[in-house]
Amino acid sequence: MCSCRNPCVNQCGVNANCNPRRHIAVCTCPAGYNGDALIQCYPVRSTEVTRYQALTCTVC
């Protein structure tokens, strides 16, 4: 008898989300985090958010 296994067990880095797709682990950093989802996702610092918003704001 065959059974499905969770592909997400121990596949993603610290603070990362894992979503199985076609029996393969897909790792992503959650909103408010960045980094390599296979290693570790770090909280975005407020200065990084402000800088990003400043770079994307063309009409203020």
Protein backbone atom coordinates (compact mmCIF):
# COMPACT_ATOMS: atom_id res chain seq x y z
CA MET A 1 0.00 0.00 0.00
CA CYS A 2 1.31 3.42 -0.98
CA SER A 3 0.88 6.58 1.10
CA CYS A 4 1.59 10.23 0.40
CA ARG A 5 4.30 11.93 2.43
CA ASN A 6 4.44 15.60 3.26
CA PRO A 7 7.18 17.07 1.02
CA CYS A 8 7.55 20.07 3.34
CA VAL A 9 9.10 18.23 6.30
CA ASN A 10 12.49 19.90 7.01
CA GLN A 11 12.76 21.38 3.51
CA CYS A 12 12.56 25.14 4.11
CA GLY A 13 14.67 27.57 6.08
CA VAL A 14 13.92 29.32 9.36
CA ASN A 15 10.73 31.47 9.28
CA ALA A 16 9.90 30.28 5.74
CA ASN A 17 6.54 29.02 4.51
CA CYS A 18 6.27 25.74 2.65
CA ASN A 19 3.52 24.97 0.17
CA PRO A 20 3.52 21.55 -1.48
CA ARG A 21 2.93 21.68 -5.23
CA ARG A 22 2.73 18.41 -7.13
CA HIS A 23 4.54 16.60 -4.31
CA ILE A 24 7.40 19.14 -4.31
CA ALA A 25 8.16 21.60 -1.50
CA VAL A 26 7.94 25.26 -2.58
CA CYS A 27 9.56 27.54 0.00
CA THR A 28 8.81 31.27 0.24
CA CYS A 29 9.43 34.04 2.74
CA PRO A 30 6.21 35.40 4.27
CA ALA A 31 5.08 39.02 3.94
CA GLY A 32 7.34 41.30 5.94
CA TYR A 33 10.34 38.97 5.57
CA ASN A 34 13.07 38.60 2.97
CA GLY A 35 16.07 36.37 2.42
CA ASP A 36 16.67 32.91 1.00
CA ALA A 37 13.63 30.79 1.87
CA LEU A 38 15.77 27.66 1.69
CA ILE A 39 18.11 28.99 4.41
CA GLN A 40 16.42 31.72 6.49
CA CYS A 41 13.89 34.53 6.12
CA TYR A 42 14.68 37.70 8.07
CA PRO A 43 12.20 40.39 9.19
CA VAL A 44 12.37 43.43 6.92
CA ARG A 45 13.75 46.41 8.84
CA SER A 46 11.64 49.56 8.73
CA THR A 47 14.50 51.44 7.00
CA GLU A 48 14.43 48.88 4.17
CA VAL A 49 10.68 49.32 3.76
CA THR A 50 11.01 53.10 3.74
CA ARG A 51 13.84 52.96 1.20
CA TYR A 52 11.86 50.58 -1.03
CA GLN A 53 8.78 52.78 -0.84
CA ALA A 54 10.88 55.84 -1.66
CA LEU A 55 12.36 54.14 -4.72
CA THR A 56 8.95 53.06 -6.03
CA CYS A 57 7.21 56.38 -5.38
CA THR A 58 7.31 58.43 -8.59
CA VAL A 59 4.45 60.86 -7.93
CA CYS A 60 4.12 62.14 -4.36
